[in-house]
C-alpha atoms as a PDB file:
ATOM      1  CA  MET A   1      52.596  55.159 102.057  1.00  0.00           C
ATOM      2  CA  ILE A   2      54.175  54.460 105.068  1.00  0.00           C
ATOM      3  CA  ASP A   3      56.772  52.631 103.365  1.00  0.00           C
ATOM      4  CA  THR A   4      57.050  55.840 101.340  1.00  0.00           C
ATOM      5  CA  GLU A   5      57.289  58.256 104.525  1.00  0.00           C
ATOM      6  CA  VAL A   6      59.769  56.256 105.856  1.00  0.00           C
ATOM      7  CA  GLU A   7      62.344  55.906 102.926  1.00  0.00           C
ATOM      8  CA  ILE A   8      61.898  59.661 102.500  1.00  0.00           C
ATOM      9  CA  GLN A   9      62.915  60.197 106.627  1.00  0.00           C
ATOM     10  CA  SER A  10      66.143  58.141 105.669  1.00  0.00           C
ATOM     11  CA  ILE A  11      67.095  60.190 102.545  1.00  0.00           C
ATOM     12  CA  GLY A  12      66.445  63.300 104.829  1.00  0.00           C
ATOM     13  CA  ASP A  13      68.878  61.864 106.881  1.00  0.00           C
ATOM     14  CA  ARG A  14      71.228  60.958 104.791  1.00  0.00           C
ATOM     15  CA  LEU A  15      71.400  63.918 102.564  1.00  0.00           C
ATOM     16  CA  ARG A  16      71.363  66.052 106.292  1.00  0.00           C
ATOM     17  CA  GLY A  17      74.970  63.991 106.852  1.00  0.00           C
ATOM     18  CA  TYR A  18      76.671  65.483 103.164  1.00  0.00           C
ATOM     19  CA  VAL A  19      75.137  68.820 104.453  1.00  0.00           C
ATOM     20  CA  GLU A  20      76.874  68.554 107.900  1.00  0.00           C
ATOM     21  CA  ASP A  21      79.965  67.253 106.033  1.00  0.00           C
ATOM     22  CA  VAL A  22      80.781  69.785 103.698  1.00  0.00           C
ATOM     23  CA  GLU A  23      79.937  72.365 106.906  1.00  0.00           C
ATOM     24  CA  LYS A  24      83.081  70.694 108.136  1.00  0.00           C
ATOM     25  CA  LEU A  25      85.054  71.536 105.253  1.00  0.00           C
ATOM     26  CA  SER A  26      83.874  74.982 105.306  1.00  0.00           C
ATOM     27  CA  ARG A  27      85.387  75.813 108.491  1.00  0.00           C
ATOM     28  CA  GLN A  28      89.007  73.802 107.473  1.00  0.00           C
ATOM     29  CA  VAL A  29      89.531  75.986 104.389  1.00  0.00           C
ATOM     30  CA  GLY A  30      90.513  79.564 106.371  1.00  0.00           C
ATOM     31  CA  VAL A  31      93.143  77.629 108.843  1.00  0.00           C
ATOM     32  CA  VAL A  32      94.648  74.772 107.169  1.00  0.00           C
ATOM     33  CA  PRO A  33      98.089  75.600 105.879  1.00  0.00           C
ATOM     34  CA  GLU A  34      99.064  75.219 102.171  1.00  0.00           C
ATOM     35  CA  ARG A  35     100.157  71.771 102.138  1.00  0.00           C
ATOM     36  CA  LYS A  36      96.440  70.681 103.350  1.00  0.00           C
ATOM     37  CA  LEU A  37      94.469  72.817 101.383  1.00  0.00           C
ATOM     38  CA  LYS A  38      94.699  70.371  98.288  1.00  0.00           C
ATOM     39  CA  GLN A  39      93.645  67.778 100.898  1.00  0.00           C
ATOM     40  CA  VAL A  40      90.613  69.446 101.569  1.00  0.00           C
ATOM     41  CA  GLU A  41      89.676  70.327  97.870  1.00  0.00           C
ATOM     42  CA  ASN A  42      90.507  66.634  97.350  1.00  0.00           C
ATOM     43  CA  SER A  43      87.490  66.130  99.913  1.00  0.00           C
ATOM     44  CA  LEU A  44      85.049  68.249  98.708  1.00  0.00           C
ATOM     45  CA  SER A  45      85.489  66.701  95.315  1.00  0.00           C
ATOM     46  CA  ARG A  46      84.985  62.907  96.658  1.00  0.00           C
ATOM     47  CA  LEU A  47      82.152  64.563  98.788  1.00  0.00           C
ATOM     48  CA  ASN A  48      80.288  65.819  95.603  1.00  0.00           C
ATOM     49  CA  ALA A  49      80.715  62.627  93.231  1.00  0.00           C
ATOM     50  CA  LYS A  50      79.017  60.807  96.907  1.00  0.00           C
ATOM     51  CA  HIS A  51      76.219  63.758  96.537  1.00  0.00           C
ATOM     52  CA  THR A  52      75.736  63.296  93.016  1.00  0.00           C
ATOM     53  CA  LEU A  53      75.422  59.578  92.580  1.00  0.00           C
ATOM     54  CA  TYR A  54      73.181  59.498  95.722  1.00  0.00           C
ATOM     55  CA  CYS A  55      70.618  62.205  94.301  1.00  0.00           C
ATOM     56  CA  GLN A  56      70.490  60.307  91.387  1.00  0.00           C
ATOM     57  CA  ALA A  57      69.833  57.536  92.819  1.00  0.00           C
ATOM     58  CA  GLN A  58      66.951  58.423  94.589  1.00  0.00           C
ATOM     59  CA  GLN A  59      66.052  61.094  91.891  1.00  0.00           C
ATOM     60  CA  LEU A  60      62.188  59.977  92.184  1.00  0.00           C
ATOM     61  CA  TYR A  61      61.695  60.781  95.943  1.00  0.00           C
ATOM     62  CA  ILE A  62      63.640  63.746  96.333  1.00  0.00           C
ATOM     63  CA  ALA A  63      61.264  65.001  93.286  1.00  0.00           C
ATOM     64  CA  MET A  64      58.154  64.693  95.246  1.00  0.00           C
ATOM     65  CA  ASP A  65      59.336  66.156  98.356  1.00  0.00           C
ATOM     66  CA  ASP A  66      60.217  69.535  98.742  1.00  0.00           C
ATOM     67  CA  SER A  67      62.004  68.867 102.305  1.00  0.00           C
ATOM     68  CA  LEU A  68      64.426  67.410 100.115  1.00  0.00           C
ATOM     69  CA  MET A  69      64.952  69.098  97.401  1.00  0.00           C
ATOM     70  CA  ASN A  70      65.807  72.193  99.717  1.00  0.00           C
ATOM     71  CA  LEU A  71      68.328  69.971 101.601  1.00  0.00           C
ATOM     72  CA  VAL A  72      69.926  68.911  97.837  1.00  0.00           C
ATOM     73  CA  ALA A  73      69.601  72.581  97.110  1.00  0.00           C
ATOM     74  CA  GLN A  74      71.973  73.427 100.886  1.00  0.00           C
ATOM     75  CA  TYR A  75      74.412  70.866  99.815  1.00  0.00           C
ATOM     76  CA  GLN A  76      74.747  72.760  96.316  1.00  0.00           C
ATOM     77  CA  GLU A  77      74.817  76.281  97.384  1.00  0.00           C
ATOM     78  CA  MET A  78      77.169  75.058 100.457  1.00  0.00           C
ATOM     79  CA  GLY A  79      79.748  73.455  98.399  1.00  0.00           C
ATOM     80  CA  GLN A  80      79.733  76.057  95.832  1.00  0.00           C
ATOM     81  CA  MET A  81      80.932  78.442  98.105  1.00  0.00           C
ATOM     82  CA  VAL A  82      83.637  75.766 100.239  1.00  0.00           C
ATOM     83  CA  SER A  83      84.612  75.654  96.388  1.00  0.00           C
ATOM     84  CA  ASP A  84      85.085  79.583  95.909  1.00  0.00           C
ATOM     85  CA  SER A  85      86.629  79.740  99.705  1.00  0.00           C
ATOM     86  CA  ILE A  86      89.308  76.893  98.366  1.00  0.00           C
ATOM     87  CA  GLN A  87      90.130  78.970  95.344  1.00  0.00           C
ATOM     88  CA  ARG A  88      90.459  82.180  97.148  1.00  0.00           C
ATOM     89  CA  GLN A  89      92.692  80.609  99.602  1.00  0.00           C
ATOM     90  CA  GLN A  90      94.926  79.171  96.404  1.00  0.00           C
ATOM     91  CA  GLN A  91      95.077  82.605  95.244  1.00  0.00           C
ATOM     92  CA  ARG A  92      96.208  84.027  98.315  1.00  0.00           C
ATOM     93  CA  PHE A  93      98.501  80.996  98.621  1.00  0.00           C
ATOM     94  CA  GLN A  94     100.168  82.233  95.121  1.00  0.00           C
ATOM     95  CA  TRP A  95     100.626  85.545  95.722  1.00  0.00           C
ATOM     96  CA  LEU A  96     102.768  84.938  98.473  1.00  0.00           C
ATOM     97  CA  GLU A  97     104.767  82.627  96.688  1.00  0.00           C
ATOM     98  CA  ASP A  98     105.081  84.764  93.777  1.00  0.00           C
ATOM     99  CA  PHE A  99     106.012  87.762  96.223  1.00  0.00           C
ATOM    100  CA  ASN A 100     108.614  85.265  98.204  1.00  0.00           C
ATOM    101  CA  GLN A 101     110.104  84.319  95.106  1.00  0.00           C
ATOM    102  CA  ALA A 102     110.701  88.032  93.773  1.00  0.00           C
ATOM    103  CA  GLU A 103     111.973  89.536  97.034  1.00  0.00           C
ATOM    104  CA  ARG A 104     114.936  86.848  96.760  1.00  0.00           C
ATOM    105  CA  PHE A 105     115.664  87.127  93.357  1.00  0.00           C
ATOM    106  CA  ILE A 106     115.650  90.899  93.408  1.00  0.00           C
ATOM    107  CA  PHE A 107     117.619  91.103  96.565  1.00  0.00           C
ATOM    108  CA  SER A 108     119.655  88.423  95.419  1.00  0.00           C
ATOM    109  CA  GLN A 109     121.334  90.889  92.290  1.00  0.00           C
ATOM    110  CA  ASP A 110     123.236  93.075  93.953  1.00  0.00           C
ATOM    111  CA  SER A 111     126.181  91.532  93.890  1.00  0.00           C
ATOM    112  CA  ALA A 112     125.805  91.297  90.014  1.00  0.00           C
ATOM    113  CA  TYR A 113     124.697  94.173  89.750  1.00  0.00           C
ATOM    114  CA  GLN A 114     127.772  96.123  91.264  1.00  0.00           C
ATOM    115  CA  ARG A 115     130.336  93.808  89.277  1.00  0.00           C
ATOM    116  CA  LEU A 116     128.393  94.745  85.941  1.00  0.00           C
ATOM    117  CA  LEU A 117     128.359  98.730  86.779  1.00  0.00           C
ATOM    118  CA  LYS A 118     132.225  98.526  87.364  1.00  0.00           C
ATOM    119  CA  GLN A 119     132.903  96.145  84.091  1.00  0.00           C
ATOM    120  CA  SER A 120     130.518  98.822  82.028  1.00  0.00           C
ATOM    121  CA  MET A 121     132.934 101.505  83.608  1.00  0.00           C
ATOM    122  CA  LEU A 122     135.809 100.378  83.028  1.00  0.00           C
ATOM    123  CA  LEU A 123     135.412  98.965  79.058  1.00  0.00           C
ATOM    124  CA  SER A 124     133.844 102.300  78.332  1.00  0.00           C
ATOM    125  CA  GLN A 125     136.925 103.907  78.723  1.00  0.00           C
ATOM    126  CA  ILE A 126     138.896 101.940  76.274  1.00  0.00           C
ATOM    127  CA  GLU A 127     137.810 102.167  72.292  1.00  0.00           C
ATOM    128  CA  LYS A 128     139.084  98.863  71.013  1.00  0.00           C
ATOM    129  CA  THR A 129     136.588  97.002  74.408  1.00  0.00           C
ATOM    130  CA  ALA A 130     133.438  99.192  72.282  1.00  0.00           C
ATOM    131  CA  PRO A 131     132.279  95.255  71.421  1.00  0.00           C
ATOM    132  CA  ALA A 132     132.813  93.405  75.185  1.00  0.00           C
ATOM    133  CA  LEU A 133     130.593  96.540  76.264  1.00  0.00           C
ATOM    134  CA  GLU A 134     127.640  95.975  74.246  1.00  0.00           C
ATOM    135  CA  LYS A 135     128.114  92.571  74.691  1.00  0.00           C
ATOM    136  CA  LEU A 136     127.602  93.265  78.630  1.00  0.00           C
ATOM    137  CA  LYS A 137     124.803  95.444  77.749  1.00  0.00           C
ATOM    138  CA  GLY A 138     122.789  93.071  75.716  1.00  0.00           C
ATOM    139  CA  GLN A 139     123.550  90.730  79.266  1.00  0.00           C
ATOM    140  CA  GLU A 140     121.920  93.142  81.724  1.00  0.00           C
ATOM    141  CA  GLN A 141     119.072  93.683  79.626  1.00  0.00           C
ATOM    142  CA  LEU A 142     118.084  90.400  79.665  1.00  0.00           C
ATOM    143  CA  LEU A 143     118.583  90.361  83.760  1.00  0.00           C
ATOM    144  CA  PHE A 144     116.667  93.772  83.861  1.00  0.00           C
ATOM    145  CA  ALA A 145     114.104  91.947  82.281  1.00  0.00           C
ATOM    146  CA  ASP A 146     114.020  89.222  84.530  1.00  0.00           C
ATOM    147  CA  VAL A 147     113.941  91.837  87.537  1.00  0.00           C
ATOM    148  CA  ASP A 148     111.184  93.612  86.209  1.00  0.00           C
ATOM    149  CA  ALA A 149     108.729  90.417  85.820  1.00  0.00           C
ATOM    150  CA  TYR A 150     109.364  89.615  89.300  1.00  0.00           C
ATOM    151  CA  PHE A 151     108.817  93.035  90.798  1.00  0.00           C
ATOM    152  CA  GLN A 152     105.487  93.369  88.538  1.00  0.00           C
ATOM    153  CA  LYS A 153     104.576  89.822  89.894  1.00  0.00           C
ATOM    154  CA  ALA A 154     105.436  91.203  93.297  1.00  0.00           C
ATOM    155  CA  LYS A 155     103.413  94.274  92.940  1.00  0.00           C
ATOM    156  CA  VAL A 156     100.190  92.430  91.715  1.00  0.00           C
ATOM    157  CA  ALA A 157     100.409  90.484  94.966  1.00  0.00           C
ATOM    158  CA  ALA A 158     101.140  93.357  97.440  1.00  0.00           C
ATOM    159  CA  GLU A 159      98.278  94.982  95.911  1.00  0.00           C
ATOM    160  CA  SER A 160      95.899  92.120  96.859  1.00  0.00           C
ATOM    161  CA  THR A 161      97.689  91.375 100.234  1.00  0.00           C
ATOM    162  CA  PRO A 162      97.760  94.224 102.762  1.00  0.00           C
ATOM    163  CA  ALA A 163     100.103  92.095 105.084  1.00  0.00           C
ATOM    164  CA  LEU A 164     102.716  92.959 102.501  1.00  0.00           C
ATOM    165  CA  LYS A 165     102.564  96.547 101.892  1.00  0.00           C
ATOM    166  CA  LYS A 166     105.980  96.763 104.563  1.00  0.00           C
ATOM    167  CA  ARG A 167     107.923  94.070 102.492  1.00  0.00           C
ATOM    168  CA  GLN A 168     107.035  95.908  99.321  1.00  0.00           C
ATOM    169  CA  ALA A 169     107.925  99.230 100.376  1.00  0.00           C
ATOM    170  CA  GLN A 170     111.254  98.013 100.656  1.00  0.00           C
ATOM    171  CA  LEU A 171     111.284  95.516  97.133  1.00  0.00           C
ATOM    172  CA  GLU A 172     110.370  98.892  95.480  1.00  0.00           C
ATOM    173  CA  GLU A 173     113.377 100.559  97.298  1.00  0.00           C
ATOM    174  CA  LYS A 174     115.659  98.049  95.949  1.00  0.00           C
ATOM    175  CA  TYR A 175     114.018  98.186  92.696  1.00  0.00           C
ATOM    176  CA  ILE A 176     114.637 101.269  91.857  1.00  0.00           C
ATOM    177  CA  GLU A 177     118.034 101.256  93.025  1.00  0.00           C
ATOM    178  CA  LEU A 178     118.517  98.159  90.301  1.00  0.00           C
ATOM    179  CA  LYS A 179     116.918 100.506  87.797  1.00  0.00           C
ATOM    180  CA  ASN A 180     118.990 102.826  88.531  1.00  0.00           C
ATOM    181  CA  SER A 181     122.097 101.093  87.907  1.00  0.00           C
ATOM    182  CA  SER A 182     120.828  99.403  84.876  1.00  0.00           C
ATOM    183  CA  GLU A 183     120.298 102.707  83.162  1.00  0.00           C
ATOM    184  CA  LYS A 184     123.722 103.659  84.257  1.00  0.00           C
ATOM    185  CA  ILE A 185     125.107 100.649  82.452  1.00  0.00           C
ATOM    186  CA  GLN A 186     122.766 101.248  79.233  1.00  0.00           C
ATOM    187  CA  ALA A 187     123.970 104.665  79.124  1.00  0.00           C
ATOM    188  CA  ALA A 188     128.355 103.569  79.322  1.00  0.00           C
ATOM    189  CA  GLU A 189     129.959 104.250  76.270  1.00  0.00           C
ATOM    190  CA  TYR A 190     132.892 105.333  74.899  1.00  0.00           C
ATOM    191  CA  MET A 191     134.416 109.005  75.391  1.00  0.00           C
ATOM    192  CA  PRO A 192     137.704 110.033  74.211  1.00  0.00           C
ATOM    193  CA  LEU A 193     139.651 111.148  77.380  1.00  0.00           C
ATOM    194  CA  LEU A 194     139.699 114.917  76.434  1.00  0.00           C
ATOM    195  CA  ASP A 195     135.960 114.300  75.854  1.00  0.00           C
ATOM    196  CA  ARG A 196     135.782 112.877  79.565  1.00  0.00           C
ATOM    197  CA  ILE A 197     137.909 115.951  81.377  1.00  0.00           C
ATOM    198  CA  LYS A 198     135.774 118.469  79.451  1.00  0.00           C
ATOM    199  CA  ASP A 199     132.549 116.925  80.846  1.00  0.00           C
ATOM    200  CA  LYS A 200     133.968 116.622  84.520  1.00  0.00           C
ATOM    201  CA  LEU A 201     134.993 120.261  84.321  1.00  0.00           C
ATOM    202  CA  MET A 202     131.940 120.871  82.930  1.00  0.00           C
ATOM    203  CA  GLY A 203     129.737 119.364  85.831  1.00  0.00           C
ATOM    204  CA  ILE A 204     131.966 121.138  88.412  1.00  0.00           C
ATOM    205  CA  ALA A 205     131.390 124.744  86.802  1.00  0.00           C
ATOM    206  CA  ALA A 206     127.816 123.602  86.743  1.00  0.00           C
ATOM    207  CA  VAL A 207     127.962 123.040  90.602  1.00  0.00           C
ATOM    208  CA  GLY A 208     130.164 126.094  90.887  1.00  0.00           C
ATOM    209  CA  ILE A 209     127.252 128.030  88.829  1.00  0.00           C
ATOM    210  CA  ILE A 210     124.688 126.888  91.684  1.00  0.00           C
ATOM    211  CA  LEU A 211     126.281 127.498  94.323  1.00  0.00           C
ATOM    212  CA  MET A 212     126.860 131.113  93.589  1.00  0.00           C
ATOM    213  CA  PHE A 213     123.554 131.266  92.544  1.00  0.00           C
ATOM    214  CA  PHE A 214     122.502 129.867  95.790  1.00  0.00           C
ATOM    215  CA  ASN A 215     125.037 132.355  97.848  1.00  0.00           C
ATOM    216  CA  MET A 216     123.617 135.169  96.311  1.00  0.00           C
ATOM    217  CA  VAL A 217     120.232 134.215  96.662  1.00  0.00           C
ATOM    218  CA  VAL A 218     121.091 133.583 100.718  1.00  0.00           C
ATOM    219  CA  SER A 219     122.967 137.405 100.502  1.00  0.00           C
ATOM    220  CA  LYS A 220     119.786 138.721  99.639  1.00  0.00           C
ATOM    221  CA  ILE A 221     117.662 137.533 102.009  1.00  0.00           C
ATOM    222  CA  GLN A 222     119.861 138.358 104.810  1.00  0.00           C
ATOM    223  CA  GLY A 223     120.140 141.848 103.614  1.00  0.00           C
ATOM    224  CA  TYR A 224     116.371 142.417 103.508  1.00  0.00           C
ATOM    225  CA  LYS A 225     116.592 140.536 106.557  1.00  0.00           C
ATOM    226  CA  LYS A 226     118.793 143.423 108.073  1.00  0.00           C
ATOM    227  CA  MET A 227     117.163 146.010 106.102  1.00  0.00           C
ATOM    228  CA  ARG A 228     113.994 145.197 108.172  1.00  0.00           C
ATOM    229  CA  GLU A 229     115.367 145.237 111.314  1.00  0.00           C
ATOM    230  CA  ASN A 230     117.093 148.391 110.228  1.00  0.00           C
ATOM    231  CA  ALA A 231     113.773 150.163 109.960  1.00  0.00           C
ATOM    232  CA  LYS A 232     112.381 148.531 112.648  1.00  0.00           C
ATOM    233  CA  GLN A 233     115.510 149.939 114.816  1.00  0.00           C
ATOM    234  CA  MET A 234     114.646 153.447 113.201  1.00  0.00           C
ATOM    235  CA  GLU A 235     110.906 153.196 113.612  1.00  0.00           C
ATOM    236  CA  GLU A 236     112.078 152.385 117.942  1.00  0.00           C
ATOM    237  CA  MET A 237     113.921 155.699 117.721  1.00  0.00           C
ATOM    238  CA  LEU A 238     111.388 158.116 116.124  1.00  0.00           C
ATOM    239  CA  ARG A 239     108.839 156.680 118.382  1.00  0.00           C
ATOM    240  CA  LYS A 240     111.287 157.398 121.890  1.00  0.00           C
ATOM    241  CA  SER A 241     111.965 160.779 120.593  1.00  0.00           C
ATOM    242  CA  LYS A 242     108.383 161.545 120.246  1.00  0.00           C
ATOM    243  CA  ASP A 243     107.884 160.616 124.180  1.00  0.00           C
ATOM    244  CA  ASP A 244     110.564 162.375 125.174  1.00  0.00           C
ATOM    245  CA  TYR A 245     109.934 165.663 123.283  1.00  0.00           C
ATOM    246  CA  PRO A 246     108.959 168.424 126.293  1.00  0.00           C
ATOM    247  CA  LYS A 247     105.172 169.118 126.527  1.00  0.00           C
ATOM    248  CA  ILE A 248     104.079 172.642 126.770  1.00  0.00           C
END
């Protein structure tokens, strides 16, 4: 009986040591840099293996003592918490890496899109270069597919990481800029000179109509204000006339 109690005490001390070790790992998860997080994960795996082997070797004693059972359950609960924390931290690091990659790629496409847009405008002016224009459009479609894929990954990362909110706004602005350039490139097509001149003139005419309408609205507003001012002046004159009229 005494030997059994001594053995249970010894096993309890050993199990409490495992619990303390896993608690130490739990405190490291939130503070270690990405390169060391893998080390913490490996340490947890080794500790789990040791704990499992020890519990299997002492399972008869553990099964007959509630305090030992509680220590085993405590370790398993803590170990699962540490494992979950490691996975969450790894996911956060992955989101940050995804965002950084997207940011680098998207912001590096400025010169490429300037070149593609310029080439598409030049190729659309000559009928014979239509095949070259279609080829350029195909290249741009593939490029924008990559831009869009990177942006979607960055968007997911930013939605899960509030600290990226400001950078996401800047990235979205650049993405929209590239998307607009992409749409212009895909819309480029050969148009005879006379048709181009006609479109330009119609555009100028449309602007002229809008300006004329705007000026008309402004004139009406100004006229309405003038009428109100005149009405107020007339009302004031009538009021003064009544005040100046001699009383009998």
